[in-house]
Amino acid sequence: MGLVVIDGYGYDSVGIEKLEKSFDKSDETDAILVVNERKLHVNKALERFIISSQDFNRRQKLVMADEYNLENLLEYAIGLYNSRSAFQDFNGPHKTDISNELKLKIFDKFFNNFAHNL
């Protein structure tokens, strides 16, 4: 039993394999999620699951939303950045794991909320 590290967090590889089997390609899938170089064919129910899950932090939710164009998750994840300290997520080695378009949205969110306190 190995440990899979995704974005700095460890996951049991057996759990990842179970997920992979659960999300085989079918007529009902409408997205492909890549986890540790494995493709999981998923539907939008996964987006709702990720939103409500405590297993992913706000940055992980934001990165997944950006990478897989999950609009509801993106809106939710951006909303989690509601304090100045939350924006510390963007100060570090993971600055390049989000698109430039998302960086602009985060920039707008920060300045719309905190420009009066600069």
N, C-alpha and C. Protein backbone atom coordinates (compact mmCIF):
# COMPACT_ATOMS: atom_id res chain seq x y z
N MET A 1 0.86 -1.17 0.00
CA MET A 1 0.00 0.00 0.00
C MET A 1 0.90 1.23 0.00
N GLY A 2 0.83 2.06 -1.04
CA GLY A 2 1.66 3.24 -1.14
C GLY A 2 0.89 4.49 -0.82
N LEU A 3 1.62 5.58 -0.77
CA LEU A 3 1.03 6.88 -0.49
C LEU A 3 1.23 7.75 -1.72
N VAL A 4 0.16 8.33 -2.21
CA VAL A 4 0.20 9.20 -3.37
C VAL A 4 0.13 10.64 -2.88
N VAL A 5 1.06 11.47 -3.33
CA VAL A 5 1.08 12.87 -2.92
C VAL A 5 0.56 13.72 -4.06
N ILE A 6 -0.49 14.47 -3.78
CA ILE A 6 -1.10 15.37 -4.75
C ILE A 6 -1.15 16.74 -4.12
N ASP A 7 -0.44 17.70 -4.73
CA ASP A 7 -0.41 19.07 -4.23
C ASP A 7 -0.02 19.12 -2.76
N GLY A 8 0.96 18.29 -2.38
CA GLY A 8 1.48 18.32 -1.03
C GLY A 8 0.72 17.51 -0.01
N TYR A 9 -0.35 16.84 -0.42
CA TYR A 9 -1.15 16.05 0.51
C TYR A 9 -1.07 14.58 0.11
N GLY A 10 -0.96 13.70 1.10
CA GLY A 10 -0.83 12.27 0.84
C GLY A 10 -2.18 11.57 0.77
N TYR A 11 -2.32 10.69 -0.19
CA TYR A 11 -3.53 9.89 -0.35
C TYR A 11 -3.12 8.43 -0.50
N ASP A 12 -3.87 7.54 0.06
CA ASP A 12 -3.65 6.12 -0.04
C ASP A 12 -3.84 5.69 -1.49
N SER A 13 -2.85 5.02 -2.09
CA SER A 13 -2.95 4.64 -3.50
C SER A 13 -4.07 3.63 -3.75
N VAL A 14 -4.40 2.84 -2.73
CA VAL A 14 -5.53 1.91 -2.87
C VAL A 14 -6.82 2.71 -3.07
N GLY A 15 -6.96 3.81 -2.35
CA GLY A 15 -8.13 4.67 -2.51
C GLY A 15 -8.20 5.27 -3.90
N ILE A 16 -7.06 5.66 -4.44
CA ILE A 16 -7.01 6.22 -5.79
C ILE A 16 -7.43 5.15 -6.81
N GLU A 17 -6.95 3.91 -6.62
CA GLU A 17 -7.32 2.83 -7.54
C GLU A 17 -8.82 2.54 -7.49
N LYS A 18 -9.41 2.60 -6.31
CA LYS A 18 -10.86 2.39 -6.19
C LYS A 18 -11.61 3.48 -6.93
N LEU A 19 -11.13 4.71 -6.79
CA LEU A 19 -11.76 5.82 -7.52
C LEU A 19 -11.67 5.60 -9.02
N GLU A 20 -10.49 5.18 -9.47
CA GLU A 20 -10.29 4.98 -10.90
C GLU A 20 -11.27 3.94 -11.46
N LYS A 21 -11.48 2.85 -10.73
CA LYS A 21 -12.42 1.81 -11.16
C LYS A 21 -13.86 2.32 -11.12
N SER A 22 -14.16 3.15 -10.14
CA SER A 22 -15.52 3.67 -10.00
C SER A 22 -15.90 4.63 -11.11
N PHE A 23 -14.91 5.27 -11.71
CA PHE A 23 -15.18 6.29 -12.71
C PHE A 23 -14.65 5.89 -14.08
N ASP A 24 -15.01 4.69 -14.53
CA ASP A 24 -14.65 4.25 -15.88
C ASP A 24 -15.43 5.06 -16.91
N LYS A 25 -14.90 5.11 -18.12
CA LYS A 25 -15.55 5.84 -19.20
C LYS A 25 -16.92 5.22 -19.51
N SER A 26 -17.92 6.07 -19.67
CA SER A 26 -19.26 5.62 -20.01
C SER A 26 -19.99 6.73 -20.74
N ASP A 27 -21.22 6.44 -21.17
CA ASP A 27 -22.04 7.45 -21.84
C ASP A 27 -22.49 8.55 -20.88
N GLU A 28 -22.40 8.30 -19.59
CA GLU A 28 -22.88 9.26 -18.59
C GLU A 28 -21.78 10.20 -18.08
N THR A 29 -20.56 10.01 -18.54
CA THR A 29 -19.48 10.87 -18.06
C THR A 29 -19.33 12.08 -18.98
N ASP A 30 -19.00 13.22 -18.37
CA ASP A 30 -18.86 14.43 -19.18
C ASP A 30 -17.61 15.22 -18.85
N ALA A 31 -16.69 14.62 -18.13
CA ALA A 31 -15.42 15.28 -17.83
C ALA A 31 -14.38 14.21 -17.52
N ILE A 32 -13.13 14.56 -17.71
CA ILE A 32 -12.04 13.65 -17.36
C ILE A 32 -11.18 14.36 -16.32
N LEU A 33 -11.03 13.74 -15.18
CA LEU A 33 -10.21 14.26 -14.10
C LEU A 33 -8.95 13.43 -14.04
N VAL A 34 -7.78 14.06 -14.07
CA VAL A 34 -6.52 13.33 -14.01
C VAL A 34 -5.97 13.46 -12.60
N VAL A 35 -5.79 12.31 -11.95
CA VAL A 35 -5.25 12.27 -10.59
C VAL A 35 -4.04 11.37 -10.62
N ASN A 36 -2.89 11.93 -10.28
CA ASN A 36 -1.64 11.17 -10.26
C ASN A 36 -1.44 10.42 -11.58
N GLU A 37 -1.62 11.13 -12.68
CA GLU A 37 -1.44 10.63 -14.03
C GLU A 37 -2.42 9.52 -14.41
N ARG A 38 -3.53 9.40 -13.68
CA ARG A 38 -4.58 8.43 -14.00
C ARG A 38 -5.83 9.20 -14.38
N LYS A 39 -6.49 8.76 -15.43
CA LYS A 39 -7.70 9.44 -15.89
C LYS A 39 -8.93 8.87 -15.21
N LEU A 40 -9.73 9.76 -14.63
CA LEU A 40 -11.01 9.38 -14.04
C LEU A 40 -12.10 10.06 -14.85
N HIS A 41 -12.99 9.29 -15.43
CA HIS A 41 -14.09 9.83 -16.22
C HIS A 41 -15.23 10.11 -15.25
N VAL A 42 -15.61 11.37 -15.15
CA VAL A 42 -16.55 11.78 -14.12
C VAL A 42 -17.69 12.61 -14.70
N ASN A 43 -18.73 12.77 -13.92
CA ASN A 43 -19.81 13.67 -14.31
C ASN A 43 -19.82 14.86 -13.36
N LYS A 44 -20.71 15.76 -13.57
CA LYS A 44 -20.74 17.00 -12.79
C LYS A 44 -21.09 16.77 -11.33
N ALA A 45 -21.57 15.58 -10.99
CA ALA A 45 -21.83 15.29 -9.58
C ALA A 45 -20.54 15.36 -8.78
N LEU A 46 -19.43 15.05 -9.44
CA LEU A 46 -18.14 15.14 -8.76
C LEU A 46 -17.84 16.59 -8.37
N GLU A 47 -18.22 17.52 -9.23
CA GLU A 47 -18.01 18.93 -8.94
C GLU A 47 -18.74 19.31 -7.64
N ARG A 48 -19.96 18.87 -7.49
CA ARG A 48 -20.71 19.15 -6.27
C ARG A 48 -20.08 18.45 -5.07
N PHE A 49 -19.55 17.26 -5.28
CA PHE A 49 -18.88 16.54 -4.20
C PHE A 49 -17.64 17.30 -3.73
N ILE A 50 -16.84 17.77 -4.67
CA ILE A 50 -15.62 18.50 -4.31
C ILE A 50 -15.97 19.78 -3.56
N ILE A 51 -17.02 20.46 -3.98
CA ILE A 51 -17.44 21.69 -3.30
C ILE A 51 -17.71 21.41 -1.83
N SER A 52 -18.41 20.34 -1.55
CA SER A 52 -18.80 20.05 -0.17
C SER A 52 -17.75 19.28 0.62
N SER A 53 -16.73 18.79 -0.04
CA SER A 53 -15.74 17.94 0.62
C SER A 53 -14.76 18.74 1.49
N GLN A 54 -14.44 18.17 2.63
CA GLN A 54 -13.41 18.74 3.50
C GLN A 54 -12.04 18.14 3.17
N ASP A 55 -11.98 17.21 2.22
CA ASP A 55 -10.73 16.54 1.86
C ASP A 55 -9.83 17.40 0.97
N PHE A 56 -10.38 18.48 0.44
CA PHE A 56 -9.61 19.38 -0.42
C PHE A 56 -9.62 20.77 0.20
N ASN A 57 -8.45 21.41 0.23
CA ASN A 57 -8.41 22.77 0.75
C ASN A 57 -8.83 23.75 -0.35
N ARG A 58 -8.94 25.03 -0.01
CA ARG A 58 -9.46 26.01 -0.98
C ARG A 58 -8.56 26.12 -2.20
N ARG A 59 -7.25 26.03 -2.01
CA ARG A 59 -6.34 26.12 -3.16
C ARG A 59 -6.50 24.92 -4.09
N GLN A 60 -6.61 23.73 -3.52
CA GLN A 60 -6.80 22.54 -4.35
C GLN A 60 -8.10 22.65 -5.14
N LYS A 61 -9.14 23.14 -4.51
CA LYS A 61 -10.42 23.31 -5.20
C LYS A 61 -10.28 24.31 -6.34
N LEU A 62 -9.55 25.38 -6.09
CA LEU A 62 -9.35 26.41 -7.11
C LEU A 62 -8.56 25.85 -8.29
N VAL A 63 -7.50 25.12 -8.02
CA VAL A 63 -6.66 24.55 -9.08
C VAL A 63 -7.46 23.55 -9.92
N MET A 64 -8.23 22.68 -9.28
CA MET A 64 -9.05 21.71 -10.02
C MET A 64 -10.10 22.42 -10.87
N ALA A 65 -10.73 23.43 -10.31
CA ALA A 65 -11.75 24.18 -11.06
C ALA A 65 -11.15 24.82 -12.29
N ASP A 66 -9.97 25.38 -12.14
CA ASP A 66 -9.29 26.03 -13.25
C ASP A 66 -8.86 25.02 -14.31
N GLU A 67 -8.26 23.95 -13.88
CA GLU A 67 -7.73 22.96 -14.82
C GLU A 67 -8.82 22.24 -15.61
N TYR A 68 -9.96 21.98 -14.97
CA TYR A 68 -11.01 21.19 -15.62
C TYR A 68 -12.24 22.02 -16.00
N ASN A 69 -12.10 23.35 -15.95
CA ASN A 69 -13.18 24.27 -16.35
C ASN A 69 -14.50 23.96 -15.64
N LEU A 70 -14.44 23.83 -14.33
CA LEU A 70 -15.62 23.55 -13.52
C LEU A 70 -16.11 24.87 -12.94
N GLU A 71 -17.07 25.49 -13.62
CA GLU A 71 -17.51 26.84 -13.29
C GLU A 71 -18.09 26.97 -11.88
N ASN A 72 -18.94 26.04 -11.47
CA ASN A 72 -19.53 26.13 -10.13
C ASN A 72 -18.47 26.01 -9.05
N LEU A 73 -17.55 25.09 -9.25
CA LEU A 73 -16.46 24.91 -8.29
C LEU A 73 -15.57 26.15 -8.27
N LEU A 74 -15.32 26.73 -9.43
CA LEU A 74 -14.49 27.93 -9.50
C LEU A 74 -15.13 29.08 -8.73
N GLU A 75 -16.41 29.29 -8.96
CA GLU A 75 -17.12 30.36 -8.26
C GLU A 75 -17.07 30.14 -6.74
N TYR A 76 -17.30 28.91 -6.33
CA TYR A 76 -17.26 28.57 -4.91
C TYR A 76 -15.85 28.78 -4.34
N ALA A 77 -14.84 28.28 -5.04
CA ALA A 77 -13.46 28.36 -4.54
C ALA A 77 -12.99 29.81 -4.45
N ILE A 78 -13.32 30.63 -5.42
CA ILE A 78 -12.95 32.05 -5.36
C ILE A 78 -13.62 32.70 -4.16
N GLY A 79 -14.85 32.32 -3.88
CA GLY A 79 -15.57 32.85 -2.72
C GLY A 79 -14.92 32.51 -1.39
N LEU A 80 -14.10 31.46 -1.37
CA LEU A 80 -13.41 31.08 -0.13
C LEU A 80 -12.28 32.06 0.22
N TYR A 81 -11.90 32.89 -0.73
CA TYR A 81 -10.87 33.89 -0.48
C TYR A 81 -11.55 35.17 0.00
N ASN A 82 -11.93 35.16 1.27
CA ASN A 82 -12.71 36.25 1.85
C ASN A 82 -11.97 37.01 2.94
N SER A 83 -10.69 36.73 3.09
CA SER A 83 -9.87 37.48 4.04
C SER A 83 -8.50 37.73 3.41
N ARG A 84 -7.84 38.76 3.88
CA ARG A 84 -6.51 39.06 3.33
C ARG A 84 -5.55 37.90 3.54
N SER A 85 -5.64 37.26 4.69
CA SER A 85 -4.72 36.16 4.99
C SER A 85 -4.92 34.97 4.05
N ALA A 86 -6.13 34.80 3.54
CA ALA A 86 -6.39 33.68 2.62
C ALA A 86 -5.54 33.81 1.35
N PHE A 87 -5.24 35.03 0.95
CA PHE A 87 -4.48 35.25 -0.27
C PHE A 87 -3.01 34.86 -0.13
N GLN A 88 -2.59 34.47 1.07
CA GLN A 88 -1.23 33.95 1.26
C GLN A 88 -1.05 32.64 0.48
N ASP A 89 -2.15 32.01 0.09
CA ASP A 89 -2.07 30.80 -0.73
C ASP A 89 -1.29 31.04 -2.02
N PHE A 90 -1.22 32.29 -2.46
CA PHE A 90 -0.57 32.61 -3.73
C PHE A 90 0.86 33.09 -3.54
N ASN A 91 1.36 33.01 -2.34
CA ASN A 91 2.72 33.40 -2.03
C ASN A 91 3.52 32.13 -1.76
N GLY A 92 4.19 31.64 -2.77
CA GLY A 92 4.95 30.42 -2.59
C GLY A 92 5.29 29.77 -3.92
N PRO A 93 5.74 28.53 -3.86
CA PRO A 93 6.24 27.85 -5.06
C PRO A 93 5.17 27.43 -6.06
N HIS A 94 3.90 27.49 -5.69
CA HIS A 94 2.84 27.01 -6.58
C HIS A 94 2.19 28.14 -7.37
N LYS A 95 2.91 29.21 -7.62
CA LYS A 95 2.33 30.36 -8.31
C LYS A 95 1.94 30.06 -9.75
N THR A 96 2.55 29.07 -10.36
CA THR A 96 2.34 28.83 -11.79
C THR A 96 1.35 27.72 -12.09
N ASP A 97 0.67 27.19 -11.07
CA ASP A 97 -0.23 26.07 -11.33
C ASP A 97 -1.65 26.50 -11.67
N ILE A 98 -1.86 27.79 -11.88
CA ILE A 98 -3.17 28.28 -12.30
C ILE A 98 -3.00 29.15 -13.55
N SER A 99 -4.05 29.24 -14.31
CA SER A 99 -4.01 29.98 -15.58
C SER A 99 -3.92 31.49 -15.33
N ASN A 100 -3.47 32.20 -16.34
CA ASN A 100 -3.41 33.65 -16.25
C ASN A 100 -4.81 34.25 -16.09
N GLU A 101 -5.79 33.63 -16.73
CA GLU A 101 -7.18 34.10 -16.60
C GLU A 101 -7.64 34.02 -15.15
N LEU A 102 -7.31 32.93 -14.48
CA LEU A 102 -7.69 32.79 -13.07
C LEU A 102 -6.90 33.77 -12.20
N LYS A 103 -5.64 33.99 -12.53
CA LYS A 103 -4.85 34.97 -11.77
C LYS A 103 -5.52 36.35 -11.82
N LEU A 104 -6.06 36.71 -12.98
CA LEU A 104 -6.76 37.99 -13.09
C LEU A 104 -8.03 38.01 -12.23
N LYS A 105 -8.75 36.90 -12.20
CA LYS A 105 -9.96 36.83 -11.36
C LYS A 105 -9.60 36.98 -9.88
N ILE A 106 -8.51 36.34 -9.47
CA ILE A 106 -8.06 36.43 -8.08
C ILE A 106 -7.61 37.85 -7.77
N PHE A 107 -6.88 38.46 -8.70
CA PHE A 107 -6.43 39.84 -8.55
C PHE A 107 -7.64 40.77 -8.37
N ASP A 108 -8.66 40.61 -9.23
CA ASP A 108 -9.88 41.41 -9.12
C ASP A 108 -10.56 41.20 -7.78
N LYS A 109 -10.66 39.95 -7.35
CA LYS A 109 -11.30 39.63 -6.07
C LYS A 109 -10.57 40.33 -4.93
N PHE A 110 -9.25 40.26 -4.94
CA PHE A 110 -8.47 40.89 -3.87
C PHE A 110 -8.71 42.40 -3.85
N PHE A 111 -8.58 43.05 -4.99
CA PHE A 111 -8.71 44.50 -5.00
C PHE A 111 -10.14 44.98 -4.81
N ASN A 112 -11.11 44.22 -5.25
CA ASN A 112 -12.50 44.60 -4.97
C ASN A 112 -12.80 44.54 -3.48
N ASN A 113 -12.20 43.59 -2.80
CA ASN A 113 -12.46 43.43 -1.36
C ASN A 113 -11.58 44.29 -0.47
N PHE A 114 -10.34 44.56 -0.89
CA PHE A 114 -9.38 45.14 0.04
C PHE A 114 -8.68 46.41 -0.44
N ALA A 115 -9.08 46.98 -1.58
CA ALA A 115 -8.41 48.17 -2.10
C ALA A 115 -8.49 49.34 -1.12
N HIS A 116 -9.57 49.43 -0.37
CA HIS A 116 -9.75 50.54 0.57
C HIS A 116 -8.80 50.44 1.77
N ASN A 117 -8.18 49.30 1.99
CA ASN A 117 -7.27 49.12 3.13
C ASN A 117 -5.80 49.06 2.73
N LEU A 118 -5.47 49.42 1.51
CA LEU A 118 -4.06 49.33 1.06
C LEU A 118 -3.27 50.54 1.47
